[in-house]
Structure formats: C-alpha cells, structure tokens
Amino acid sequence: MFLTVTLNAALDITYRVPRLRAHSTHRVQEVDERPGGKGVNVARVLAALGKDVTVTGFAGGATGAALRNLLAADQRERPNHARLTDAFVPISGTTRRTVAVVDASSGDTTQLNEPGPAISPAEWQAFTTAYAGLLPRTTAVALCGSLPPGVPVGAYAELVRAARAADVPVLLDTSGEALRRGIAARPDLVKPNGDELAQLTGVTVPLRAARDARRRGAAAVVASLGAEGLLAATADGAWRAAPPQTIAGNPTGAGDSAVAGLLSGLADGLDWPARLSRAVALSAATVAAPAAGEFDPSTYAAVLDRVEVAPQPHAA
C-alpha cells in the first residue's frame, strides 16, 4: 500500500470561460469539482495505475465533507480493483478551496488558492498518531504540499524521520522553509520544481542545484522543469528526461502525476531512466486531461516509449 499525506487538502473547483478578461463579468461554460491537494492528486493517479493507496491529512467542515464524498465516489466508479482508502483526520476548521479559471481561447489557467484552516496542537497530535499507525502497512509514502496554519514548520522533517525509522521510503514534495527543514531529515527523494530548487540552494543552474540539494540531505533529487521535463540527480547518476513534444492543455497537477510515476516505478523495481520515463509520460498525460489527479490514457501510452532520457555529465 502507498500512503500520501496532504496536510493542506482542498476541494478543487475548475471554471471554464470562453475568454478571461480582467475587470469584466464572465459566463462560466462549465464547472467541475474534484478532491484536491497535491497528495490527493498523487493518490488518484496511483489508484488509476492499479496501486492500492491510502490518503491522509486533515479534512473538516462542509468543504472537507464534499472532498471525502468525492473521494468515495471516485473509488466506487473506479474500473480497476485498486483501493483508494480515506484516512483523513477530522478537524474543527473548514478545508480550503482552490479555484482554477481556464481560458478556452488560449488554454491558459489562472489559479486562486485559499489559505488552509488553522490546526490545533491536539489535531496535529492526532494526525501524527494516525500517521505512525499507517506506516507499518506502507510500501512508500509521499509527503506533499503546503502546511496549513498551526502545523509546525518542521512538520515534514518529523514525518520523514518517522518514515525512516519504520524503514519506509519517503518522498517529499513541498517548498520554502518546510522543504529546507524536511530535506535535512534525509528523505529518499525530493521533487521540487525549478524555482523551488533555486530558492532552496541559491543556485540557478538546475543540475548544479540538484546536486547541491543532495548534499543537504536528500538521497535523490528530481526537479520538475515544466514543459522541458524532469532532471534527476541520484547516487546512481544524473539524467534529464523530456517529452517528445509539448502537450497542450492544463498543467495543473502535472507535477503530482510525476510523483505518482516515481513512486510506482520505485515499487515496480524500475531503474531510474524507466522511472523518469513513466513520470514524464504521466505528467504529459495529465496536461491533456481535464483536471488534476487524472491522466489521459491514450496520451500516456503514446508518450511513454518516446520520452528522451539523456545521462548528464558527472561534473556540473
């Protein structure tokens, strides 16, 4: 079983409009609601790949109930037999919403993210107890996204250390001070984007920055470079993986699908080039899908064998 942690889960709302113009009124052509937050997106892609996965984090209020109901519906409607299990910890606050506005004329997306609910010390303690109880049944864990108010800034470092103590591989996908502290706890893999990696290291050359991040504690670093694909620095070498062409669509959630590809590749015993190919293909297929947490199977199949994976020089 995989475990994904989303401390700042969300109800994702997508509006599609003919053309987005500032300072004007818009008629929305289509509204879509999905369970969201980075770890939830990762879990939904893993389940679509046929992997059993448990999602945990915090959920509360009417929005949290809607998120959990949508997850349950997603599980009921799943055509394969993979289990997507809800292990969210209830809170007194209300789960946040995110709003994506898709401009049909350009394909561009404008994202509006609400702040998360305040988490009390008792709620944080309840979560860490639940998390520790899930680890013995876990193949690998992904710690994803921002920290809601009230959660200690060193929360991910604490969760990384708990996973390592349980001998469970752990992937960290966050940013800022949470990443800085979390990487010092020595996760097996971190997956920042290019900007987050530069902010962490102060280095703007991606390969040099990825190697610097490894020296800070991560066993491996895979950086998302947007349409250019992924860059990996590991103990076994460094690679750059790129899709064969640019995919048009909504890039929201593409990085989360890359995380699902990396985790499933680890569990399936793939080498790094094959893991990166899967991650890039899933990321591209998510851009072609209508919402985060999903991927277009035909795009995935078409891209997978055509991902270009190139070894990188030993010195950056």
C-alpha atoms as a PDB file:
ATOM      1  CA  MET A   1       0.000   0.000   0.000  1.00  0.00           C
ATOM      2  CA  PHE A   2       1.146   3.513  -0.827  1.00  0.00           C
ATOM      3  CA  LEU A   3       0.459   6.367   1.578  1.00  0.00           C
ATOM      4  CA  THR A   4       0.068  10.007   0.543  1.00  0.00           C
ATOM      5  CA  VAL A   5      -0.046  12.855   3.057  1.00  0.00           C
ATOM      6  CA  THR A   6      -1.880  16.087   2.219  1.00  0.00           C
ATOM      7  CA  LEU A   7      -1.836  18.346   5.261  1.00  0.00           C
ATOM      8  CA  ASN A   8      -3.499  21.188   3.330  1.00  0.00           C
ATOM      9  CA  ALA A   9      -6.058  19.287   1.252  1.00  0.00           C
ATOM     10  CA  ALA A  10      -8.540  21.191  -0.905  1.00  0.00           C
ATOM     11  CA  LEU A  11     -11.712  20.984  -2.901  1.00  0.00           C
ATOM     12  CA  ASP A  12     -10.572  21.843  -6.434  1.00  0.00           C
ATOM     13  CA  ILE A  13     -13.064  23.886  -8.451  1.00  0.00           C
ATOM     14  CA  THR A  14     -12.431  24.488 -12.161  1.00  0.00           C
ATOM     15  CA  TYR A  15     -14.287  27.161 -14.145  1.00  0.00           C
ATOM     16  CA  ARG A  16     -14.052  27.220 -17.926  1.00  0.00           C
ATOM     17  CA  VAL A  17     -14.797  30.521 -19.658  1.00  0.00           C
ATOM     18  CA  PRO A  18     -14.644  31.471 -23.360  1.00  0.00           C
ATOM     19  CA  ARG A  19     -12.093  34.209 -22.699  1.00  0.00           C
ATOM     20  CA  LEU A  20     -10.703  35.548 -19.415  1.00  0.00           C
ATOM     21  CA  ARG A  21     -10.603  39.345 -19.247  1.00  0.00           C
ATOM     22  CA  ALA A  22      -9.643  41.452 -16.237  1.00  0.00           C
ATOM     23  CA  HIS A  23     -12.262  43.840 -14.772  1.00  0.00           C
ATOM     24  CA  SER A  24     -15.179  42.124 -16.545  1.00  0.00           C
ATOM     25  CA  THR A  25     -18.045  39.721 -15.899  1.00  0.00           C
ATOM     26  CA  HIS A  26     -17.769  36.166 -17.214  1.00  0.00           C
ATOM     27  CA  ARG A  27     -20.313  33.498 -18.070  1.00  0.00           C
ATOM     28  CA  VAL A  28     -18.901  30.158 -16.950  1.00  0.00           C
ATOM     29  CA  GLN A  29     -19.340  27.447 -19.564  1.00  0.00           C
ATOM     30  CA  GLU A  30     -18.517  24.531 -17.294  1.00  0.00           C
ATOM     31  CA  VAL A  31     -17.891  23.916 -13.569  1.00  0.00           C
ATOM     32  CA  ASP A  32     -16.025  20.902 -12.253  1.00  0.00           C
ATOM     33  CA  GLU A  33     -15.359  19.868  -8.620  1.00  0.00           C
ATOM     34  CA  ARG A  34     -12.702  17.315  -7.678  1.00  0.00           C
ATOM     35  CA  PRO A  35     -10.943  16.220  -4.479  1.00  0.00           C
ATOM     36  CA  GLY A  36      -7.643  18.081  -4.429  1.00  0.00           C
ATOM     37  CA  GLY A  37      -4.362  18.925  -2.814  1.00  0.00           C
ATOM     38  CA  LYS A  38      -1.044  17.576  -4.067  1.00  0.00           C
ATOM     39  CA  GLY A  39      -1.077  14.274  -2.184  1.00  0.00           C
ATOM     40  CA  VAL A  40      -4.704  13.609  -3.110  1.00  0.00           C
ATOM     41  CA  ASN A  41      -3.811  14.116  -6.775  1.00  0.00           C
ATOM     42  CA  VAL A  42      -0.892  11.690  -6.386  1.00  0.00           C
ATOM     43  CA  ALA A  43      -3.173   9.108  -4.765  1.00  0.00           C
ATOM     44  CA  ARG A  44      -5.799   9.305  -7.502  1.00  0.00           C
ATOM     45  CA  VAL A  45      -3.179   8.761 -10.215  1.00  0.00           C
ATOM     46  CA  LEU A  46      -1.652   5.831  -8.298  1.00  0.00           C
ATOM     47  CA  ALA A  47      -5.088   4.236  -7.977  1.00  0.00           C
ATOM     48  CA  ALA A  48      -5.698   4.748 -11.704  1.00  0.00           C
ATOM     49  CA  LEU A  49      -2.420   2.867 -12.281  1.00  0.00           C
ATOM     50  CA  GLY A  50      -3.821  -0.043 -10.258  1.00  0.00           C
ATOM     51  CA  LYS A  51      -1.959   0.646  -7.000  1.00  0.00           C
ATOM     52  CA  ASP A  52      -3.624   0.427  -3.589  1.00  0.00           C
ATOM     53  CA  VAL A  53      -3.216   3.760  -1.822  1.00  0.00           C
ATOM     54  CA  THR A  54      -4.341   5.443   1.390  1.00  0.00           C
ATOM     55  CA  VAL A  55      -4.778   9.208   1.644  1.00  0.00           C
ATOM     56  CA  THR A  56      -4.379  11.049   4.923  1.00  0.00           C
ATOM     57  CA  GLY A  57      -4.097  14.609   6.171  1.00  0.00           C
ATOM     58  CA  PHE A  58      -6.759  16.935   7.554  1.00  0.00           C
ATOM     59  CA  ALA A  59     -10.376  17.424   6.451  1.00  0.00           C
ATOM     60  CA  GLY A  60     -13.099  19.500   8.077  1.00  0.00           C
ATOM     61  CA  GLY A  61     -16.335  21.422   7.575  1.00  0.00           C
ATOM     62  CA  ALA A  62     -18.700  21.233   4.626  1.00  0.00           C
ATOM     63  CA  THR A  63     -15.826  21.513   2.131  1.00  0.00           C
ATOM     64  CA  GLY A  64     -13.967  18.654   3.808  1.00  0.00           C
ATOM     65  CA  ALA A  65     -17.129  16.527   3.713  1.00  0.00           C
ATOM     66  CA  ALA A  66     -17.533  17.289   0.000  1.00  0.00           C
ATOM     67  CA  LEU A  67     -13.910  16.304  -0.638  1.00  0.00           C
ATOM     68  CA  ARG A  68     -14.352  12.995   1.185  1.00  0.00           C
ATOM     69  CA  ASN A  69     -17.626  12.262  -0.612  1.00  0.00           C
ATOM     70  CA  LEU A  70     -15.949  12.850  -3.967  1.00  0.00           C
ATOM     71  CA  LEU A  71     -13.104  10.502  -2.999  1.00  0.00           C
ATOM     72  CA  ALA A  72     -15.650   7.832  -2.067  1.00  0.00           C
ATOM     73  CA  ALA A  73     -17.442   8.309  -5.389  1.00  0.00           C
ATOM     74  CA  ASP A  74     -14.114   8.084  -7.205  1.00  0.00           C
ATOM     75  CA  GLN A  75     -13.453   4.745  -5.512  1.00  0.00           C
ATOM     76  CA  ARG A  76     -16.923   3.387  -6.359  1.00  0.00           C
ATOM     77  CA  GLU A  77     -16.573   4.331 -10.010  1.00  0.00           C
ATOM     78  CA  ARG A  78     -13.021   3.030 -10.438  1.00  0.00           C
ATOM     79  CA  PRO A  79     -12.908   0.407 -13.227  1.00  0.00           C
ATOM     80  CA  ASN A  80      -9.894  -1.442 -11.774  1.00  0.00           C
ATOM     81  CA  HIS A  81      -9.675  -3.158  -8.400  1.00  0.00           C
ATOM     82  CA  ALA A  82      -7.216  -0.766  -6.753  1.00  0.00           C
ATOM     83  CA  ARG A  83      -8.314   0.525  -3.347  1.00  0.00           C
ATOM     84  CA  LEU A  84      -8.218   4.237  -2.566  1.00  0.00           C
ATOM     85  CA  THR A  85      -8.728   4.459   1.193  1.00  0.00           C
ATOM     86  CA  ASP A  86      -9.708   7.642   3.043  1.00  0.00           C
ATOM     87  CA  ALA A  87      -7.791   8.047   6.324  1.00  0.00           C
ATOM     88  CA  PHE A  88      -8.212  11.815   6.762  1.00  0.00           C
ATOM     89  CA  VAL A  89      -8.114  13.135  10.329  1.00  0.00           C
ATOM     90  CA  PRO A  90     -11.157  15.306  11.124  1.00  0.00           C
ATOM     91  CA  ILE A  91     -10.624  18.902  12.285  1.00  0.00           C
ATOM     92  CA  SER A  92     -12.853  21.682  13.581  1.00  0.00           C
ATOM     93  CA  GLY A  93     -11.842  24.097  10.803  1.00  0.00           C
ATOM     94  CA  THR A  94     -13.002  24.053   7.190  1.00  0.00           C
ATOM     95  CA  THR A  95     -10.970  22.565   4.355  1.00  0.00           C
ATOM     96  CA  ARG A  96      -9.883  25.164   1.808  1.00  0.00           C
ATOM     97  CA  ARG A  97     -10.923  25.514  -1.819  1.00  0.00           C
ATOM     98  CA  THR A  98      -8.811  26.160  -4.886  1.00  0.00           C
ATOM     99  CA  VAL A  99     -10.277  27.768  -7.990  1.00  0.00           C
ATOM    100  CA  ALA A 100      -8.805  27.310 -11.464  1.00  0.00           C
ATOM    101  CA  VAL A 101     -10.148  29.510 -14.263  1.00  0.00           C
ATOM    102  CA  VAL A 102      -9.424  28.052 -17.696  1.00  0.00           C
ATOM    103  CA  ASP A 103      -9.426  30.452 -20.642  1.00  0.00           C
ATOM    104  CA  ALA A 104     -10.773  28.424 -23.581  1.00  0.00           C
ATOM    105  CA  SER A 105      -9.392  30.877 -26.147  1.00  0.00           C
ATOM    106  CA  SER A 106      -5.760  30.469 -25.057  1.00  0.00           C
ATOM    107  CA  GLY A 107      -5.753  27.338 -22.910  1.00  0.00           C
ATOM    108  CA  ASP A 108      -4.147  29.319 -20.081  1.00  0.00           C
ATOM    109  CA  THR A 109      -5.159  28.664 -16.478  1.00  0.00           C
ATOM    110  CA  THR A 110      -5.393  31.195 -13.635  1.00  0.00           C
ATOM    111  CA  GLN A 111      -5.149  29.606 -10.183  1.00  0.00           C
ATOM    112  CA  LEU A 112      -6.605  31.004  -6.932  1.00  0.00           C
ATOM    113  CA  ASN A 113      -5.632  29.122  -3.760  1.00  0.00           C
ATOM    114  CA  GLU A 114      -7.336  29.804  -0.431  1.00  0.00           C
ATOM    115  CA  PRO A 115      -5.339  29.573   2.811  1.00  0.00           C
ATOM    116  CA  GLY A 116      -5.811  26.416   4.825  1.00  0.00           C
ATOM    117  CA  PRO A 117      -7.670  26.019   8.129  1.00  0.00           C
ATOM    118  CA  ALA A 118      -5.905  26.565  11.457  1.00  0.00           C
ATOM    119  CA  ILE A 119      -4.768  23.275  13.000  1.00  0.00           C
ATOM    120  CA  SER A 120      -4.716  22.972  16.790  1.00  0.00           C
ATOM    121  CA  PRO A 121      -1.903  21.211  18.718  1.00  0.00           C
ATOM    122  CA  ALA A 122      -4.372  18.444  19.642  1.00  0.00           C
ATOM    123  CA  GLU A 123      -5.289  17.941  15.968  1.00  0.00           C
ATOM    124  CA  TRP A 124      -1.625  17.789  14.969  1.00  0.00           C
ATOM    125  CA  GLN A 125      -1.012  15.188  17.704  1.00  0.00           C
ATOM    126  CA  ALA A 126      -3.980  13.154  16.465  1.00  0.00           C
ATOM    127  CA  PHE A 127      -2.550  13.224  12.965  1.00  0.00           C
ATOM    128  CA  THR A 128       0.964  12.111  13.952  1.00  0.00           C
ATOM    129  CA  THR A 129      -0.513   9.228  15.950  1.00  0.00           C
ATOM    130  CA  ALA A 130      -2.631   8.137  12.967  1.00  0.00           C
ATOM    131  CA  TYR A 131       0.355   8.505  10.604  1.00  0.00           C
ATOM    132  CA  ALA A 132       2.554   6.296  12.791  1.00  0.00           C
ATOM    133  CA  GLY A 133      -0.170   3.651  12.777  1.00  0.00           C
ATOM    134  CA  LEU A 134      -0.325   3.611   8.967  1.00  0.00           C
ATOM    135  CA  LEU A 135       3.422   3.275   8.333  1.00  0.00           C
ATOM    136  CA  PRO A 136       3.793  -0.467   9.125  1.00  0.00           C
ATOM    137  CA  ARG A 137       1.445  -1.285   6.196  1.00  0.00           C
ATOM    138  CA  THR A 138       3.068   1.167   3.771  1.00  0.00           C
ATOM    139  CA  THR A 139       5.247   0.441   0.717  1.00  0.00           C
ATOM    140  CA  ALA A 140       6.273   4.095   0.261  1.00  0.00           C
ATOM    141  CA  VAL A 141       4.984   7.457   1.472  1.00  0.00           C
ATOM    142  CA  ALA A 142       4.650  10.805  -0.313  1.00  0.00           C
ATOM    143  CA  LEU A 143       4.561  13.983   1.801  1.00  0.00           C
ATOM    144  CA  CYS A 144       3.051  16.659  -0.397  1.00  0.00           C
ATOM    145  CA  GLY A 145       2.117  20.308  -0.443  1.00  0.00           C
ATOM    146  CA  SER A 146       1.976  23.330   1.819  1.00  0.00           C
ATOM    147  CA  LEU A 147       1.489  23.430   5.588  1.00  0.00           C
ATOM    148  CA  PRO A 148      -1.769  24.854   6.954  1.00  0.00           C
ATOM    149  CA  PRO A 149      -1.618  27.425   9.780  1.00  0.00           C
ATOM    150  CA  GLY A 150      -0.814  25.917  13.171  1.00  0.00           C
ATOM    151  CA  VAL A 151       1.233  22.986  11.847  1.00  0.00           C
ATOM    152  CA  PRO A 152       4.902  23.248  12.967  1.00  0.00           C
ATOM    153  CA  VAL A 153       7.250  24.433  10.219  1.00  0.00           C
ATOM    154  CA  GLY A 154       9.376  21.355  10.917  1.00  0.00           C
ATOM    155  CA  ALA A 155       6.392  19.031  10.422  1.00  0.00           C
ATOM    156  CA  TYR A 156       7.733  17.334   7.321  1.00  0.00           C
ATOM    157  CA  ALA A 157      11.097  16.735   8.968  1.00  0.00           C
ATOM    158  CA  GLU A 158       9.244  14.959  11.787  1.00  0.00           C
ATOM    159  CA  LEU A 159       7.245  12.852   9.320  1.00  0.00           C
ATOM    160  CA  VAL A 160      10.352  12.000   7.261  1.00  0.00           C
ATOM    161  CA  ARG A 161      12.149  10.787  10.401  1.00  0.00           C
ATOM    162  CA  ALA A 162       9.141   8.643  11.388  1.00  0.00           C
ATOM    163  CA  ALA A 163       9.070   7.009   7.937  1.00  0.00           C
ATOM    164  CA  ARG A 164      12.812   6.355   8.009  1.00  0.00           C
ATOM    165  CA  ALA A 165      12.509   4.818  11.490  1.00  0.00           C
ATOM    166  CA  ALA A 166       9.838   2.483  10.089  1.00  0.00           C
ATOM    167  CA  ASP A 167      12.113   1.655   7.105  1.00  0.00           C
ATOM    168  CA  VAL A 168       9.584   3.093   4.633  1.00  0.00           C
ATOM    169  CA  PRO A 169      10.904   5.008   1.573  1.00  0.00           C
ATOM    170  CA  VAL A 170       9.728   8.624   1.720  1.00  0.00           C
ATOM    171  CA  LEU A 171       9.301  11.271  -0.986  1.00  0.00           C
ATOM    172  CA  LEU A 172       8.998  14.958  -0.062  1.00  0.00           C
ATOM    173  CA  ASP A 173       7.296  17.468  -2.375  1.00  0.00           C
ATOM    174  CA  THR A 174       6.994  20.877  -0.742  1.00  0.00           C
ATOM    175  CA  SER A 175       8.696  24.272  -0.828  1.00  0.00           C
ATOM    176  CA  GLY A 176      10.243  27.067   1.207  1.00  0.00           C
ATOM    177  CA  GLU A 177      11.210  26.552   4.833  1.00  0.00           C
ATOM    178  CA  ALA A 178       9.223  23.299   5.029  1.00  0.00           C
ATOM    179  CA  LEU A 179      11.462  21.889   2.271  1.00  0.00           C
ATOM    180  CA  ARG A 180      14.616  23.297   3.834  1.00  0.00           C
ATOM    181  CA  ARG A 181      13.905  21.636   7.155  1.00  0.00           C
ATOM    182  CA  GLY A 182      12.464  18.482   5.639  1.00  0.00           C
ATOM    183  CA  ILE A 183      15.465  17.784   3.413  1.00  0.00           C
ATOM    184  CA  ALA A 184      17.758  17.867   6.457  1.00  0.00           C
ATOM    185  CA  ALA A 185      15.870  14.806   7.778  1.00  0.00           C
ATOM    186  CA  ARG A 186      17.255  12.856   4.795  1.00  0.00           C
ATOM    187  CA  PRO A 187      14.237  11.820   2.672  1.00  0.00           C
ATOM    188  CA  ASP A 188      14.826   9.236  -0.034  1.00  0.00           C
ATOM    189  CA  LEU A 189      13.651  11.659  -2.732  1.00  0.00           C
ATOM    190  CA  VAL A 190      12.649  15.309  -3.023  1.00  0.00           C
ATOM    191  CA  LYS A 191      10.753  16.666  -6.036  1.00  0.00           C
ATOM    192  CA  PRO A 192      10.905  20.459  -6.219  1.00  0.00           C
ATOM    193  CA  ASN A 193      10.220  22.491  -9.327  1.00  0.00           C
ATOM    194  CA  GLY A 194      12.983  24.633 -10.794  1.00  0.00           C
ATOM    195  CA  ASP A 195      12.052  27.754  -8.832  1.00  0.00           C
ATOM    196  CA  GLU A 196      11.765  25.855  -5.542  1.00  0.00           C
ATOM    197  CA  LEU A 197      15.129  24.207  -6.149  1.00  0.00           C
ATOM    198  CA  ALA A 198      16.795  27.564  -6.848  1.00  0.00           C
ATOM    199  CA  GLN A 199      15.190  29.058  -3.738  1.00  0.00           C
ATOM    200  CA  LEU A 200      16.461  26.168  -1.625  1.00  0.00           C
ATOM    201  CA  THR A 201      20.039  26.215  -2.878  1.00  0.00           C
ATOM    202  CA  GLY A 202      20.611  29.731  -4.201  1.00  0.00           C
ATOM    203  CA  VAL A 203      21.852  28.095  -7.436  1.00  0.00           C
ATOM    204  CA  THR A 204      20.092  28.755 -10.751  1.00  0.00           C
ATOM    205  CA  VAL A 205      21.816  26.053 -12.866  1.00  0.00           C
ATOM    206  CA  PRO A 206      19.406  23.105 -12.402  1.00  0.00           C
ATOM    207  CA  LEU A 207      21.905  20.229 -12.386  1.00  0.00           C
ATOM    208  CA  ARG A 208      24.267  22.042 -10.040  1.00  0.00           C
ATOM    209  CA  ALA A 209      21.334  22.954  -7.794  1.00  0.00           C
ATOM    210  CA  ALA A 210      20.060  19.360  -7.727  1.00  0.00           C
ATOM    211  CA  ARG A 211      23.468  18.095  -6.662  1.00  0.00           C
ATOM    212  CA  ASP A 212      23.637  20.792  -4.002  1.00  0.00           C
ATOM    213  CA  ALA A 213      20.223  19.644  -2.706  1.00  0.00           C
ATOM    214  CA  ARG A 214      21.562  16.094  -2.417  1.00  0.00           C
ATOM    215  CA  ARG A 215      24.405  17.367  -0.264  1.00  0.00           C
ATOM    216  CA  ARG A 216      21.787  18.950   2.020  1.00  0.00           C
ATOM    217  CA  GLY A 217      20.343  15.536   2.830  1.00  0.00           C
ATOM    218  CA  ALA A 218      18.184  14.080   0.033  1.00  0.00           C
ATOM    219  CA  ALA A 219      19.271  10.703  -1.299  1.00  0.00           C
ATOM    220  CA  ALA A 220      17.906  11.715  -4.719  1.00  0.00           C
ATOM    221  CA  VAL A 221      16.503  14.878  -6.278  1.00  0.00           C
ATOM    222  CA  VAL A 222      14.080  15.014  -9.218  1.00  0.00           C
ATOM    223  CA  ALA A 223      13.307  18.552 -10.358  1.00  0.00           C
ATOM    224  CA  SER A 224      10.288  19.451 -12.482  1.00  0.00           C
ATOM    225  CA  LEU A 225      11.272  21.750 -15.346  1.00  0.00           C
ATOM    226  CA  GLY A 226       7.793  22.372 -16.770  1.00  0.00           C
ATOM    227  CA  ALA A 227       7.424  21.539 -20.443  1.00  0.00           C
ATOM    228  CA  GLU A 228      11.123  20.586 -20.548  1.00  0.00           C
ATOM    229  CA  GLY A 229      10.516  17.504 -18.400  1.00  0.00           C
ATOM    230  CA  LEU A 230      12.476  16.280 -15.389  1.00  0.00           C
ATOM    231  CA  LEU A 231      16.053  16.427 -14.140  1.00  0.00           C
ATOM    232  CA  ALA A 232      17.290  13.757 -11.722  1.00  0.00           C
ATOM    233  CA  ALA A 233      20.414  13.667  -9.556  1.00  0.00           C
ATOM    234  CA  THR A 234      20.861  10.363  -7.722  1.00  0.00           C
ATOM    235  CA  ALA A 235      23.566   8.160  -6.227  1.00  0.00           C
ATOM    236  CA  ASP A 236      23.459   6.129  -9.465  1.00  0.00           C
ATOM    237  CA  GLY A 237      23.913   9.078 -11.809  1.00  0.00           C
ATOM    238  CA  ALA A 238      22.067  12.044 -13.278  1.00  0.00           C
ATOM    239  CA  TRP A 239      19.574  12.150 -16.149  1.00  0.00           C
ATOM    240  CA  ARG A 240      17.388  14.592 -17.998  1.00  0.00           C
ATOM    241  CA  ALA A 241      14.057  13.267 -19.278  1.00  0.00           C
ATOM    242  CA  ALA A 242      11.973  15.219 -21.784  1.00  0.00           C
ATOM    243  CA  PRO A 243       8.668  14.537 -23.569  1.00  0.00           C
ATOM    244  CA  PRO A 244       8.830  14.141 -27.353  1.00  0.00           C
ATOM    245  CA  GLN A 245       6.659  17.221 -27.897  1.00  0.00           C
ATOM    246  CA  THR A 246       4.831  19.934 -25.979  1.00  0.00           C
ATOM    247  CA  ILE A 247       1.351  18.835 -24.901  1.00  0.00           C
ATOM    248  CA  ALA A 248      -1.404  21.455 -24.996  1.00  0.00           C
ATOM    249  CA  GLY A 249      -3.778  21.680 -22.059  1.00  0.00           C
ATOM    250  CA  ASN A 250      -3.986  22.426 -18.334  1.00  0.00           C
ATOM    251  CA  PRO A 251      -0.674  21.851 -16.495  1.00  0.00           C
ATOM    252  CA  THR A 252      -2.289  21.856 -13.027  1.00  0.00           C
ATOM    253  CA  GLY A 253      -1.374  18.611 -11.261  1.00  0.00           C
ATOM    254  CA  ALA A 254       1.273  17.543 -13.781  1.00  0.00           C
ATOM    255  CA  GLY A 255       3.958  17.548 -11.091  1.00  0.00           C
ATOM    256  CA  ASP A 256       1.744  15.425  -8.831  1.00  0.00           C
ATOM    257  CA  SER A 257       1.392  12.843 -11.581  1.00  0.00           C
ATOM    258  CA  ALA A 258       5.176  12.823 -11.905  1.00  0.00           C
ATOM    259  CA  VAL A 259       5.356  11.959  -8.189  1.00  0.00           C
ATOM    260  CA  ALA A 260       2.932   9.054  -8.787  1.00  0.00           C
ATOM    261  CA  GLY A 261       5.136   7.851 -11.626  1.00  0.00           C
ATOM    262  CA  LEU A 262       8.270   7.989  -9.492  1.00  0.00           C
ATOM    263  CA  LEU A 263       6.642   6.165  -6.568  1.00  0.00           C
ATOM    264  CA  SER A 264       5.058   3.446  -8.701  1.00  0.00           C
ATOM    265  CA  GLY A 265       8.331   2.998 -10.579  1.00  0.00           C
ATOM    266  CA  LEU A 266      10.160   2.503  -7.275  1.00  0.00           C
ATOM    267  CA  ALA A 267       7.629  -0.149  -6.178  1.00  0.00           C
ATOM    268  CA  ASP A 268       7.848  -1.889  -9.557  1.00  0.00           C
ATOM    269  CA  GLY A 269      11.652  -2.087  -9.335  1.00  0.00           C
ATOM    270  CA  LEU A 270      12.311   0.115 -12.379  1.00  0.00           C
ATOM    271  CA  ASP A 271      15.710   1.688 -12.896  1.00  0.00           C
ATOM    272  CA  TRP A 272      15.987   5.476 -12.848  1.00  0.00           C
ATOM    273  CA  PRO A 273      15.639   6.046 -16.625  1.00  0.00           C
ATOM    274  CA  ALA A 274      12.469   3.927 -16.716  1.00  0.00           C
ATOM    275  CA  ARG A 275      11.062   5.683 -13.621  1.00  0.00           C
ATOM    276  CA  LEU A 276      11.708   9.056 -15.209  1.00  0.00           C
ATOM    277  CA  SER A 277      10.080   7.971 -18.475  1.00  0.00           C
ATOM    278  CA  ARG A 278       6.949   6.919 -16.610  1.00  0.00           C
ATOM    279  CA  ALA A 279       6.900  10.144 -14.605  1.00  0.00           C
ATOM    280  CA  VAL A 280       7.291  12.346 -17.703  1.00  0.00           C
ATOM    281  CA  ALA A 281       4.644  10.414 -19.640  1.00  0.00           C
ATOM    282  CA  LEU A 282       2.157  10.659 -16.766  1.00  0.00           C
ATOM    283  CA  SER A 283       2.884  14.356 -16.396  1.00  0.00           C
ATOM    284  CA  ALA A 284       2.257  14.951 -20.099  1.00  0.00           C
ATOM    285  CA  ALA A 285      -0.914  12.852 -19.981  1.00  0.00           C
ATOM    286  CA  THR A 286      -2.188  14.947 -17.069  1.00  0.00           C
ATOM    287  CA  VAL A 287      -1.769  18.151 -19.081  1.00  0.00           C
ATOM    288  CA  ALA A 288      -4.033  16.525 -21.678  1.00  0.00           C
ATOM    289  CA  ALA A 289      -6.643  15.543 -19.044  1.00  0.00           C
ATOM    290  CA  PRO A 290      -9.490  17.796 -17.862  1.00  0.00           C
ATOM    291  CA  ALA A 291      -8.354  18.093 -14.206  1.00  0.00           C
ATOM    292  CA  ALA A 292      -5.540  17.434 -11.736  1.00  0.00           C
ATOM    293  CA  GLY A 293      -5.450  13.921 -10.312  1.00  0.00           C
ATOM    294  CA  GLU A 294      -6.282  12.395 -13.695  1.00  0.00           C
ATOM    295  CA  PHE A 295      -4.390  11.490 -16.851  1.00  0.00           C
ATOM    296  CA  ASP A 296      -5.358  10.740 -20.419  1.00  0.00           C
ATOM    297  CA  PRO A 297      -4.510   7.049 -21.033  1.00  0.00           C
ATOM    298  CA  SER A 298      -4.031   7.435 -24.779  1.00  0.00           C
ATOM    299  CA  THR A 299      -1.558  10.285 -24.325  1.00  0.00           C
ATOM    300  CA  TYR A 300       0.283   8.297 -21.657  1.00  0.00           C
ATOM    301  CA  ALA A 301       0.609   5.278 -23.949  1.00  0.00           C
ATOM    302  CA  ALA A 302       1.702   7.430 -26.901  1.00  0.00           C
ATOM    303  CA  VAL A 303       4.370   9.327 -24.939  1.00  0.00           C
ATOM    304  CA  LEU A 304       5.811   6.599 -22.686  1.00  0.00           C
ATOM    305  CA  ASP A 305       8.110   4.909 -25.226  1.00  0.00           C
ATOM    306  CA  ARG A 306       9.141   8.218 -26.792  1.00  0.00           C
ATOM    307  CA  VAL A 307      10.444  10.031 -23.708  1.00  0.00           C
ATOM    308  CA  GLU A 308      14.037  11.090 -24.293  1.00  0.00           C
ATOM    309  CA  VAL A 309      16.260  10.236 -21.302  1.00  0.00           C
ATOM    310  CA  ALA A 310      19.817  11.536 -21.515  1.00  0.00           C
ATOM    311  CA  PRO A 311      22.640  10.945 -18.988  1.00  0.00           C
ATOM    312  CA  GLN A 312      24.126  14.139 -17.572  1.00  0.00           C
ATOM    313  CA  PRO A 313      27.836  14.862 -17.060  1.00  0.00           C
ATOM    314  CA  HIS A 314      29.470  13.906 -13.773  1.00  0.00           C
ATOM    315  CA  ALA A 315      30.616  17.479 -13.126  1.00  0.00           C
ATOM    316  CA  ALA A 316      28.139  20.333 -13.287  1.00  0.00           C
END
